[in-house]
Protein backbone atom coordinates (compact mmCIF):
# COMPACT_ATOMS: atom_id res chain seq x y z
CA MET A 1 173.25 114.76 98.49
CA LEU A 2 171.73 117.34 100.81
CA ALA A 3 170.45 116.11 104.28
CA GLN A 4 166.72 115.93 104.51
CA LYS A 5 165.33 118.47 106.74
CA SER A 6 163.68 117.31 110.01
CA ARG A 7 159.90 117.41 110.41
CA ILE A 8 159.94 116.86 114.15
CA ASP A 9 160.26 120.34 115.49
CA CYS A 10 160.67 122.79 112.68
CA ASP A 11 160.72 126.59 113.76
CA GLN A 12 160.35 128.17 110.37
CA PHE A 13 156.68 128.54 110.31
CA ASN A 14 155.74 129.81 113.82
CA ASP A 15 154.19 133.02 112.65
CA PHE A 16 151.33 130.91 111.05
CA PHE A 17 150.28 129.04 114.22
CA VAL A 18 148.03 130.46 116.74
CA GLU A 19 148.35 130.51 120.68
CA GLU A 20 144.75 130.16 121.59
CA ILE A 21 141.14 129.39 120.11
CA ALA A 22 138.37 129.82 122.45
CA LEU A 23 134.80 128.83 122.23
CA GLU A 24 132.72 131.77 123.00
CA GLU A 25 129.19 131.07 122.36
CA VAL A 26 126.80 128.21 121.48
CA LEU A 27 123.22 129.05 120.14
CA VAL A 28 120.31 127.01 119.25
CA GLY A 29 117.76 128.36 116.73
CA LYS A 30 114.45 126.89 115.22
CA ASP A 31 116.34 124.84 112.71
CA THR A 32 119.84 126.13 113.35
CA ILE A 33 122.99 125.47 115.66
CA GLU A 34 125.44 128.34 115.57
CA PHE A 35 128.64 128.65 117.55
CA ILE A 36 131.37 131.41 117.71
CA TYR A 37 135.09 130.76 118.28
CA SER A 38 137.63 133.50 118.70
CA ILE A 39 141.01 133.37 117.08
CA GLU A 40 143.49 136.04 118.21
CA GLY A 41 140.49 138.30 119.29
CA GLU A 42 138.40 137.94 116.10
CA ASN A 43 135.08 136.18 116.16
CA ILE A 44 134.54 133.42 113.70
CA ARG A 45 130.94 132.29 113.40
CA CYS A 46 129.78 128.91 111.95
CA SER A 47 126.04 128.10 111.47
CA ILE A 48 124.63 124.67 110.67
CA ARG A 49 121.09 124.78 109.21
CA TYR A 50 118.69 121.71 108.85
CA ASN A 51 115.89 121.58 106.35
CA SER A 52 114.13 118.70 107.89
CA VAL A 53 114.74 119.17 111.57
CA GLU A 54 113.33 121.65 114.09
CA PHE A 55 114.79 121.77 117.45
CA THR A 56 111.34 121.86 119.25
CA ASP A 57 110.67 118.36 117.92
CA PRO A 58 109.57 116.28 120.75
CA ALA A 59 112.08 113.51 119.87
CA LEU A 60 114.83 116.10 120.92
CA LYS A 61 113.39 115.75 124.50
CA SER A 62 114.01 119.33 125.73
CA PRO A 63 116.00 122.52 125.05
CA GLU A 64 118.67 121.41 127.65
CA GLU A 65 119.42 118.16 125.74
CA THR A 66 119.58 120.13 122.46
CA LYS A 67 121.96 122.62 124.17
CA ARG A 68 124.26 119.83 125.30
CA PHE A 69 124.29 118.24 121.75
CA ALA A 70 125.09 121.83 120.31
CA VAL A 71 128.08 122.17 122.53
CA VAL A 72 129.31 118.61 121.86
CA LEU A 73 129.00 119.54 118.22
CA ALA A 74 130.76 122.85 118.69
CA VAL A 75 133.60 121.21 120.52
CA ILE A 76 134.08 118.55 117.88
CA CYS A 77 133.97 121.26 115.10
CA SER A 78 137.42 122.58 116.72
CA VAL A 79 138.97 119.85 114.82
CA ARG A 80 138.75 121.89 111.66
CA PHE A 81 141.52 123.99 113.07
CA GLY A 82 144.09 121.60 112.26
CA PRO A 83 146.25 123.72 109.93
CA LEU A 84 146.74 126.26 112.69
CA LEU A 85 148.22 123.92 115.21
CA PRO A 86 146.79 125.97 118.09
CA ARG A 87 148.59 125.83 121.39
CA ARG A 88 145.53 125.95 123.47
CA LEU A 89 141.72 125.22 123.00
CA ASN A 90 139.71 127.13 125.57
CA PHE A 91 136.39 125.64 126.47
CA THR A 92 136.08 127.27 129.68
CA THR A 93 132.65 128.91 128.96
CA TYR A 94 131.13 125.38 128.32
CA SER A 95 133.11 123.22 130.75
CA ARG A 96 130.04 121.81 132.41
CA TYR A 97 128.76 120.35 129.04
CA ILE A 98 132.13 118.82 128.29
CA ASP A 99 133.59 115.56 130.09
CA GLN A 100 137.00 114.18 130.07
CA GLU A 101 136.02 111.29 127.67
CA LEU A 102 135.06 113.78 124.98
CA LEU A 103 138.36 115.45 125.43
CA GLU A 104 140.09 111.97 125.30
CA PHE A 105 138.21 111.43 122.12
CA LEU A 106 139.56 114.83 120.71
CA LYS A 107 143.17 113.75 121.41
CA VAL A 108 142.92 110.57 119.67
CA VAL A 109 141.42 112.23 116.70
CA MET A 110 143.75 115.16 116.54
CA VAL A 111 146.77 112.79 116.63
CA GLY A 112 145.58 110.83 113.68
CA HIS A 113 143.59 113.45 111.67
CA TRP A 114 146.21 116.33 112.17
CA SER A 115 149.01 114.07 111.08
CA GLN A 116 149.36 115.81 107.69
CA HIS A 117 149.04 119.18 109.14
CA ARG A 118 151.87 118.65 111.51
CA TYR A 119 153.93 116.75 108.79
CA GLN A 120 153.51 119.62 106.27
CA VAL A 121 155.03 122.21 108.62
CA GLY A 122 157.57 119.88 110.33
CA GLN A 123 155.70 119.71 113.75
CA LEU A 124 155.53 116.08 114.40
CA SER A 125 156.53 116.74 117.93
CA TYR A 126 153.03 118.44 118.43
CA LYS A 127 150.32 116.01 119.05
CA PHE A 128 147.42 118.10 120.20
CA PRO A 129 146.52 121.37 121.98
CA GLU A 130 146.12 121.87 125.63
CA PHE A 131 142.61 121.94 126.56
CA VAL A 132 141.69 124.78 128.83
CA VAL A 133 138.47 124.04 131.00
CA THR A 134 137.36 124.88 134.53
CA ALA A 135 138.10 121.74 136.47
CA SER A 136 135.54 122.23 138.96
CA GLU A 137 132.86 122.48 136.56
CA LEU A 138 134.07 119.95 133.94
CA GLY A 139 131.34 117.52 132.93
CA LYS A 140 128.55 118.53 135.60
CA ASP A 141 125.83 118.82 132.84
CA ALA A 142 127.38 116.11 130.45
CA SER A 143 124.81 113.29 131.08
CA TYR A 144 124.27 110.60 128.45
CA PRO A 145 122.68 109.40 126.37
CA LEU A 146 121.42 112.63 125.10
CA TRP A 147 118.92 111.34 122.75
CA SER A 148 117.32 107.98 121.42
CA ALA A 149 116.54 107.03 117.91
CA ALA A 150 113.11 105.36 118.42
CA LYS A 151 112.28 103.39 115.27
CA VAL A 152 109.39 105.03 113.27
CA ASP A 153 107.38 102.27 111.41
CA GLY A 154 107.24 102.52 107.93
CA LYS A 155 110.28 104.81 107.77
CA ALA A 156 113.63 103.87 106.21
CA LYS A 157 116.02 101.61 107.98
CA ILE A 158 119.07 103.52 106.91
CA ILE A 159 119.79 107.06 106.07
CA LEU A 160 122.75 107.51 103.61
CA GLY A 161 125.15 110.18 103.75
CA SER A 162 125.09 111.10 100.15
CA GLY A 163 126.81 113.64 97.92
CA SER A 164 127.08 113.89 94.18
CA GLY A 165 130.31 111.60 93.97
CA LYS A 166 130.95 108.01 92.60
CA ASP A 167 130.90 106.53 96.06
CA SER A 168 127.62 107.98 97.11
CA LEU A 169 126.03 106.61 93.84
CA LEU A 170 127.58 103.15 94.45
CA CYS A 171 126.26 103.18 97.98
CA SER A 172 122.68 104.07 96.74
CA ARG A 173 122.98 101.32 93.96
CA ILE A 174 124.29 98.75 96.54
CA LEU A 175 121.14 99.50 98.95
CA GLU A 176 118.77 99.33 96.00
CA ALA A 177 120.17 96.12 94.88
CA ALA A 178 119.97 94.62 98.44
CA GLY A 179 116.34 95.72 98.77
CA ILE A 180 116.90 98.04 101.49
CA ASN A 181 114.90 101.26 101.91
CA TYR A 182 116.78 104.33 102.46
CA ASP A 183 116.73 108.15 103.02
CA ILE A 184 119.55 110.39 101.82
CA VAL A 185 121.10 113.20 103.68
CA THR A 186 123.57 115.71 102.08
CA TYR A 187 125.99 118.07 103.45
CA PHE A 188 126.43 121.39 101.70
CA HIS A 189 129.20 123.76 102.63
CA ASP A 190 129.52 127.40 101.51
CA ILE A 191 133.20 126.78 100.71
CA TYR A 192 131.80 124.85 97.73
CA GLY A 193 129.75 127.65 96.52
CA GLU A 194 126.09 128.69 96.84
CA ASP A 195 123.46 126.41 98.05
CA VAL A 196 121.54 126.28 94.73
CA GLY A 197 124.60 125.59 92.76
CA GLN A 198 125.39 122.69 94.98
CA GLU A 199 121.96 121.43 94.90
CA THR A 200 121.66 121.46 91.06
CA LEU A 201 124.92 119.34 90.78
CA PHE A 202 123.39 116.95 93.48
CA GLU A 203 120.05 116.61 91.58
CA GLN A 204 121.87 115.58 88.30
CA VAL A 205 122.56 112.25 90.19
CA THR A 206 120.14 112.04 92.97
CA SER A 207 117.02 112.50 90.45
CA HIS A 208 117.64 108.85 89.10
CA LEU A 209 117.85 107.17 92.64
CA LYS A 210 115.24 105.32 94.53
CA PHE A 211 115.41 106.77 98.06
CA THR A 212 112.54 107.60 100.15
CA ASN A 213 113.10 111.04 101.53
CA LYS A 214 116.03 113.38 101.27
CA HIS A 215 117.47 115.75 103.91
CA GLY A 216 119.89 118.62 103.77
CA VAL A 217 122.55 119.98 106.28
CA TYR A 218 123.97 123.32 105.53
CA PHE A 219 127.24 124.69 106.75
CA TYR A 220 127.91 128.50 106.66
CA ASP A 221 131.41 129.05 108.00
CA GLN A 222 133.51 132.23 108.23
CA TYR A 223 136.50 130.28 109.34
CA TYR A 224 137.83 129.09 105.67
CA PRO A 225 137.63 132.62 104.42
CA TRP A 226 139.59 133.71 107.43
CA LEU A 227 142.06 130.85 106.96
CA GLU A 228 142.67 131.70 103.32
CA ASN A 229 143.50 135.36 104.33
CA ARG A 230 146.00 133.97 106.90
CA LEU A 231 147.38 131.56 104.22
CA SER A 232 147.97 134.35 101.89
CA ARG A 233 149.40 136.98 104.48
CA THR A 234 151.90 134.57 105.75
CA ASN A 235 152.72 132.99 102.34
CA ILE A 236 152.98 129.68 104.32
CA ILE A 237 152.18 127.38 101.33
CA ALA A 238 155.11 128.62 99.14
CA ARG A 239 157.34 128.84 102.28
CA ALA A 240 156.80 125.30 103.37
CA LYS A 241 157.28 123.84 99.89
CA ASP A 242 160.52 125.94 99.42
CA TYR A 243 161.74 124.73 102.56
CA PHE A 244 160.77 121.05 102.48
CA GLY A 245 160.83 120.60 98.73
CA ASN A 246 157.84 118.44 97.31
CA ASN A 247 155.20 119.48 99.92
CA ARG A 248 151.54 119.23 99.61
CA PHE A 249 149.60 121.77 101.79
CA ARG A 250 146.37 120.85 103.42
CA SER A 251 143.94 123.58 104.72
CA GLU A 252 140.85 121.38 105.03
CA ALA A 253 140.17 119.42 108.31
CA GLY A 254 137.42 117.56 109.96
CA GLU A 255 134.79 117.37 107.43
CA THR A 256 134.02 113.75 107.67
CA LEU A 257 133.80 113.86 111.66
CA LEU A 258 131.88 117.10 111.39
CA THR A 259 129.26 115.84 109.04
CA THR A 260 128.75 112.40 110.78
CA MET A 261 128.10 114.13 114.07
CA ALA A 262 125.95 116.93 112.45
CA MET A 263 123.51 114.49 110.80
CA ILE A 264 122.68 112.83 114.24
CA PRO A 265 119.51 115.15 114.89
CA VAL A 266 118.02 114.05 111.49
CA GLN A 267 118.54 110.44 112.54
CA ILE A 268 116.85 111.29 115.87
CA VAL A 269 113.87 113.24 114.43
CA HIS A 270 113.13 110.86 111.71
CA GLY A 271 113.58 107.68 113.53
CA ILE A 272 116.50 106.31 111.53
CA SER A 273 119.08 104.54 113.54
CA LEU A 274 121.80 103.86 111.11
CA LEU A 275 123.90 106.38 109.18
CA ALA A 276 125.69 104.83 106.33
CA LEU A 277 128.69 106.24 104.54
CA GLY A 278 130.89 105.19 101.64
CA HIS A 279 134.60 104.97 103.21
CA GLU A 280 136.43 102.30 101.44
CA LYS A 281 139.23 99.93 102.55
CA SER A 282 141.78 101.79 100.32
CA ALA A 283 141.52 104.85 102.62
CA ASP A 284 142.93 102.88 105.67
CA ALA A 285 146.53 103.07 104.24
CA PRO A 286 148.78 105.95 105.42
CA ASN A 287 150.37 108.10 102.74
CA LEU A 288 153.73 107.41 104.02
CA ILE A 289 155.79 106.74 107.24
CA GLU A 290 157.90 109.41 108.07
CA PRO A 291 161.28 108.00 108.63
CA GLU A 292 162.74 110.05 111.58
CA SER A 293 159.80 109.71 113.72
CA GLY A 294 158.32 106.32 112.33
CA GLU A 295 154.90 108.06 112.53
CA ALA A 296 152.11 107.09 110.02
CA ILE A 297 151.17 110.21 107.93
CA ALA A 298 147.50 109.78 106.81
CA HIS A 299 145.42 112.33 104.62
CA GLN A 300 142.22 110.05 105.00
CA TRP A 301 142.49 109.18 108.61
CA THR A 302 138.71 110.04 109.14
CA LYS A 303 137.86 107.51 106.65
CA SER A 304 139.83 104.80 108.24
CA PHE A 305 138.76 101.57 109.96
CA THR A 306 140.38 102.94 113.09
CA PHE A 307 138.42 106.10 112.85
CA HIS A 308 135.18 104.03 112.37
CA GLN A 309 135.76 102.01 115.54
CA THR A 310 136.71 105.24 117.42
CA ILE A 311 133.62 107.27 116.56
CA SER A 312 131.25 104.38 116.92
CA LYS A 313 132.25 104.03 120.62
CA LEU A 314 131.65 107.83 121.05
CA ILE A 315 128.37 107.73 119.41
CA ALA A 316 127.19 104.62 121.53
CA ARG A 317 128.21 106.45 124.60
CA MET A 318 126.27 109.65 123.66
CA PHE A 319 123.15 108.31 122.09
CA GLU A 320 120.79 105.39 122.18
CA GLY A 321 119.95 103.39 119.28
CA VAL A 322 122.32 105.41 116.74
CA ASN A 323 125.24 104.39 114.90
CA MET A 324 127.22 104.93 111.61
CA VAL A 325 128.85 102.42 109.45
CA SER A 326 130.37 102.35 105.91
CA LEU A 327 128.93 100.27 103.15
CA THR A 328 132.31 99.98 101.18
CA LYS A 329 134.69 99.47 104.04
CA PRO A 330 135.15 95.83 103.16
CA ILE A 331 136.49 96.72 99.63
CA HIS A 332 139.18 98.68 97.88
CA ASP A 333 138.72 101.26 95.02
CA ILE A 334 139.42 98.54 92.37
CA LYS A 335 136.39 96.65 93.59
CA ILE A 336 134.35 100.06 93.82
CA PHE A 337 134.99 100.78 90.15
CA ASP A 338 134.10 97.33 89.07
CA LEU A 339 130.72 97.50 91.10
CA LEU A 340 129.94 101.06 90.20
CA PHE A 341 129.95 100.49 86.39
CA GLY A 342 128.41 97.04 86.95
CA LEU A 343 125.48 98.26 88.84
CA ASP A 344 125.10 101.40 86.61
CA ASN A 345 127.12 102.07 83.51
CA GLN A 346 125.89 105.51 82.73
CA LEU A 347 125.19 107.47 85.82
CA PRO A 348 128.74 107.61 86.95
CA TYR A 349 129.59 110.11 84.15
CA GLY A 350 127.26 112.53 85.80
CA THR A 351 129.01 112.44 89.21
CA ASN A 352 131.63 114.82 90.48
CA SER A 353 134.27 114.23 93.20
CA CYS A 354 136.67 117.23 92.85
CA ASN A 355 137.34 119.31 95.85
CA VAL A 356 138.74 122.22 94.09
CA GLN A 357 136.28 123.11 91.46
CA LYS A 358 132.89 121.58 90.47
CA PRO A 359 132.31 119.38 88.72
CA TRP A 360 135.97 118.74 87.74
CA CYS A 361 139.05 120.99 87.80
CA CYS A 362 141.05 118.44 85.73
CA ARG A 363 144.38 119.56 87.63
CA CYS A 364 144.24 117.70 90.98
CA GLU A 365 144.87 114.21 92.11
CA LYS A 366 141.34 113.40 92.77
CA CYS A 367 140.37 114.44 89.22
CA CYS A 368 143.21 112.40 87.58
CA TYR A 369 142.59 109.27 89.97
CA VAL A 370 138.74 109.04 89.11
CA PHE A 371 139.42 109.82 85.34
CA ALA A 372 141.78 106.73 85.34
CA GLY A 373 139.19 104.49 87.16
CA PHE A 374 136.32 105.61 84.98
CA CYS A 375 138.43 104.94 81.84
CA ALA A 376 139.43 101.72 83.13
CA TYR A 377 136.05 100.32 83.98
CA GLY A 378 133.82 102.54 81.83
CA ASP A 379 134.13 104.11 78.42
CA VAL A 380 137.15 106.40 77.60
CA SER A 381 135.29 108.72 75.18
CA LYS A 382 132.39 109.20 77.67
CA THR A 383 134.83 109.87 80.42
CA ILE A 384 136.75 112.58 78.31
CA GLN A 385 133.41 114.18 77.48
CA ALA A 386 132.28 114.03 81.32
CA PHE A 387 135.52 115.78 82.44
CA GLY A 388 135.82 118.08 79.42
CA ASN A 389 139.55 117.11 79.04
CA ASN A 390 141.67 114.04 78.33
CA LEU A 391 143.64 114.19 81.46
CA LEU A 392 145.87 111.44 80.15
CA GLU A 393 147.28 113.88 77.62
CA MET A 394 147.59 117.04 79.65
CA GLU A 395 151.45 117.62 80.17
CA GLU A 396 150.97 119.49 83.35
CA ASN A 397 149.25 116.64 84.97
CA VAL A 398 152.33 114.36 84.48
CA PRO A 399 153.68 114.93 88.15
CA ILE A 400 150.39 114.25 89.49
CA TRP A 401 150.37 111.00 87.58
CA GLU A 402 153.75 110.41 89.09
CA ASP A 403 152.30 110.56 92.46
CA LEU A 404 149.31 108.42 91.74
CA LEU A 405 151.40 105.67 90.26
CA GLY A 406 153.71 105.62 93.40
CA LEU A 407 156.89 106.85 91.71
CA ASN A 408 157.71 109.23 94.46
CA GLY A 409 157.46 106.86 97.46
CA TYR A 410 154.19 107.88 98.84
CA ILE A 411 150.30 107.76 98.32
CA ALA A 412 149.16 111.01 96.75
CA TRP A 413 147.92 113.67 99.30
CA GLU A 414 144.14 113.37 98.18
CA CYS A 415 141.33 110.90 98.88
CA VAL A 416 142.58 108.38 96.27
CA GLY A 417 143.54 104.68 96.41
CA LEU A 418 146.87 103.02 96.64
CA PRO A 419 149.46 103.33 93.88
CA GLU A 420 148.93 99.51 92.84
CA GLU A 421 145.36 100.49 92.23
CA THR A 422 146.23 103.23 89.77
CA GLN A 423 148.76 100.98 88.20
CA TRP A 424 146.06 98.33 87.67
CA TYR A 425 143.87 100.98 85.93
CA PHE A 426 146.61 101.87 83.63
CA TYR A 427 147.59 98.27 82.84
CA LYS A 428 143.94 97.77 81.80
CA LEU A 429 144.11 100.77 79.62
CA TYR A 430 147.60 99.69 78.15
CA LEU A 431 145.99 96.29 77.19
CA ARG A 432 143.24 98.16 75.34
CA GLY A 433 145.80 100.39 73.48
CA VAL A 434 144.83 103.65 75.09
CA LYS A 435 147.66 106.34 74.51
CA GLY A 436 148.73 109.46 76.12
CA ARG A 437 151.54 111.21 77.95
CA ALA A 438 150.38 109.67 81.23
CA MET A 439 150.44 106.25 79.45
CA ASP A 440 153.93 106.76 78.15
CA LEU A 441 154.99 107.56 81.77
CA PHE A 442 153.38 104.17 83.04
CA GLU A 443 155.19 102.40 80.33
CA GLN A 444 158.68 103.83 81.12
CA GLU A 445 158.49 103.92 84.75
CA VAL A 446 156.28 101.01 85.61
CA LEU A 447 156.08 98.45 82.78
CA ASN A 448 159.68 98.44 81.42
CA PRO A 449 161.24 97.73 85.04
CA LEU A 450 158.83 94.80 85.40
CA ARG A 451 159.59 93.55 81.82
CA GLN A 452 163.14 93.11 82.71
CA LYS A 453 162.01 89.91 84.73
CA GLY A 454 160.05 88.83 81.68
CA GLU A 455 156.50 89.12 80.42
CA GLU A 456 155.24 86.40 82.75
CA HIS A 457 156.41 88.39 85.64
CA VAL A 458 154.37 91.38 84.48
CA LYS A 459 151.30 89.31 84.09
CA GLN A 460 151.77 87.85 87.75
CA TYR A 461 152.42 91.18 89.18
CA PHE A 462 148.93 92.66 87.69
CA SER A 463 147.13 89.52 88.49
CA ALA A 464 148.20 89.71 92.21
CA ILE A 465 147.01 93.32 92.29
CA GLU A 466 143.58 92.46 90.79
CA LYS A 467 143.29 89.51 93.15
CA ASN A 468 144.15 91.46 96.24
CA TYR A 469 142.29 94.59 95.53
CA SER A 470 139.09 92.88 94.34
CA GLN A 471 138.40 90.88 97.47
CA VAL A 472 135.58 91.46 99.86
CA TYR A 473 137.05 91.60 103.23
CA GLU A 474 134.07 90.08 105.40
CA ASN A 475 135.63 91.00 108.68
CA HIS A 476 136.56 94.54 107.82
CA HIS A 477 133.35 96.55 108.61
CA THR A 478 131.26 97.64 111.62
CA MET A 479 127.82 96.73 109.91
CA PRO A 480 125.16 95.03 112.09
CA GLU A 481 124.70 91.43 111.00
CA TRP A 482 121.13 92.07 109.44
CA LEU A 483 122.75 94.59 107.09
CA TRP A 484 125.80 92.65 106.20
CA GLN A 485 123.79 89.56 105.22
CA LYS A 486 122.03 91.87 102.74
CA ILE A 487 125.01 93.69 101.56
CA GLN A 488 127.60 91.13 101.30
CA PRO A 489 126.05 89.27 98.10
CA VAL A 490 125.97 92.70 96.36
CA LEU A 491 129.54 93.43 97.10
CA GLU A 492 130.66 90.06 95.95
CA GLN A 493 129.09 90.21 92.52
CA LYS A 494 131.77 90.23 89.68
CA TYR A 495 131.35 92.07 86.43
């Protein structure tokens, strides 16, 4: 057997990494924040546009406070450079707006969130870049709190970060069942196509919801096309796969963190203190523990409970009366699918969660995972119709199902639940007599080994999974008490 290649300090892919990325300029327009980073001498522009915020609004105090926020947002957006593992991040131009605590926050986030980026190229010895600042200027104009979310009478108590996926739909239905008024704010990114197309998909779900107002935050970013060009030019994805074997390459970074911070002006202007998201307990688990270093490698670190605690401290320091929570952090995906179809047994089929192609590419881990959950808790025929394919029958998806079922010793590299949860969906389908190539795989690789200890052992195994992953973990969240008292009874419903 060949020795496993080390992922600690591999030197095979140094041509892909960059020496320095520098923040060159931060601009604030009427309804837009724009910043420019330079990568190897090439300027990369990113614009963030708001459809319900003007930066002259009195709630935002003054242009100076807005500029401070814009710089903080631009600095935090450096997290998206994770795949490049830059040696240095140069913030010299804006040192006076950046304090040491913000840099320490970045270190924590980069160690956790970039773990997959470091793992996929064998650079686990790398933790975070050197931050280049002017020491004498550092933090001179970084005074907090920047803004305060003064409650506006009659307005929503909560603003829900909502997309067109199943988790967003569930969060809306949870709030509605709990009798809580809410607005929605949606993140649109040009990496997923034109605004109009994304808005159309979004409307298919949101037109049936009972929110008060809706807001949009639009990202236009030159970085990802630049990155795609570099990925192609260096052939890094194929090279890393050839070198390490089964290697899933991640190019995206920082979406959850960036959108959470980018939505704060909406909260401030509209007087809504609490941003609610849908990050489940399943996201807390690392994909694997790398054996040589012992480090936890986590695709979903910015959806984890640790991340929620970390960013909550940052937000509390920088703003007054502003916070973010996850409505689904106390529950796993098994409970999420149960609640989703219990609260709304039709609209889930109109959602989309694929990060490759909208609405569904039918060839990724996310598509397969959601397909299995929909089939297990909903209707198989309606699920096939919604996806346009029977993903259980597609031969090319068998390796994906192997990952999702935990047959390769790690959690699949996507925003999916634990292998035991996928096994539970398959067991439910097996008991209903559902057939397919993926079902054959499940029976051969999961059921048959369990059967060797008897049918009673099989029942006990899956009963334990259902019990563990259907619980509501009442201390596993950061919700204020008033919200938890309303949400808890909804989460504890059984269907």
